[in-house]
């Protein structure tokens, strides 16, 4: 079960609603791999090797995935509801068009995660590092990235509503075609935008970030800055 609350942000907007996932007593998962369209309720996957697993369309309700290997796992259109993923790791995990609602992702170590076309609502990604995160065309609502490193994330054509980046690192981020509503970037430790700086309408940044991004903003409107 998840309990969420909303608070006013210091910028005068509305902050993201964070999930507070309260898992019931869980049963250990004793199976091997996953099944397409499988139902997994109230289970703990403790260090389970899910590499190359085929769980497309599966549903995870009130589940905990602890230290699981997700290399090349096929989880397209899967649904994660009221669940916690801690220390998951892997390369090439396929979560295209998946749905994550009231989910916490903690200390993940992932690379090349495909989340294009996915729907994320009331999700917290805390700690860890994700390389080449593909969120093209995804919809994010009430999502918080906190204390994590996102290397070359692709938000192309995504729709971000009440998304916060807290004390995290964004390296070579692609915001091409993105739509933003109440997106908070003020406390990003390192804000490196490769593409789409002109799509920051709807975001709030700090005065220091404004100075750092000034050359990119000037270039977008054709202004040359010379001494």
Foldseek 3Di string as FASTA:
>chain_A
DWDWDWDADPVRHIAFIATDQDADQADEDDDAAEDAQAEAERYEDAQHENACGEHANYEYYSYEYENYEQALYHHDQYEYESYEYEAYEYENHEHDQHEYESYEYYQYHYENYAHDNHEYGNYEYEAHEYEAAEHAQYEYGRYEYENYEYAAYEDHLYEYANYEYAQYEYHQYECHNYAAAAYEDAHDPHDHHNYDPVRCVRYDYDPVVCVVCVVVVCVVVVHDDDD
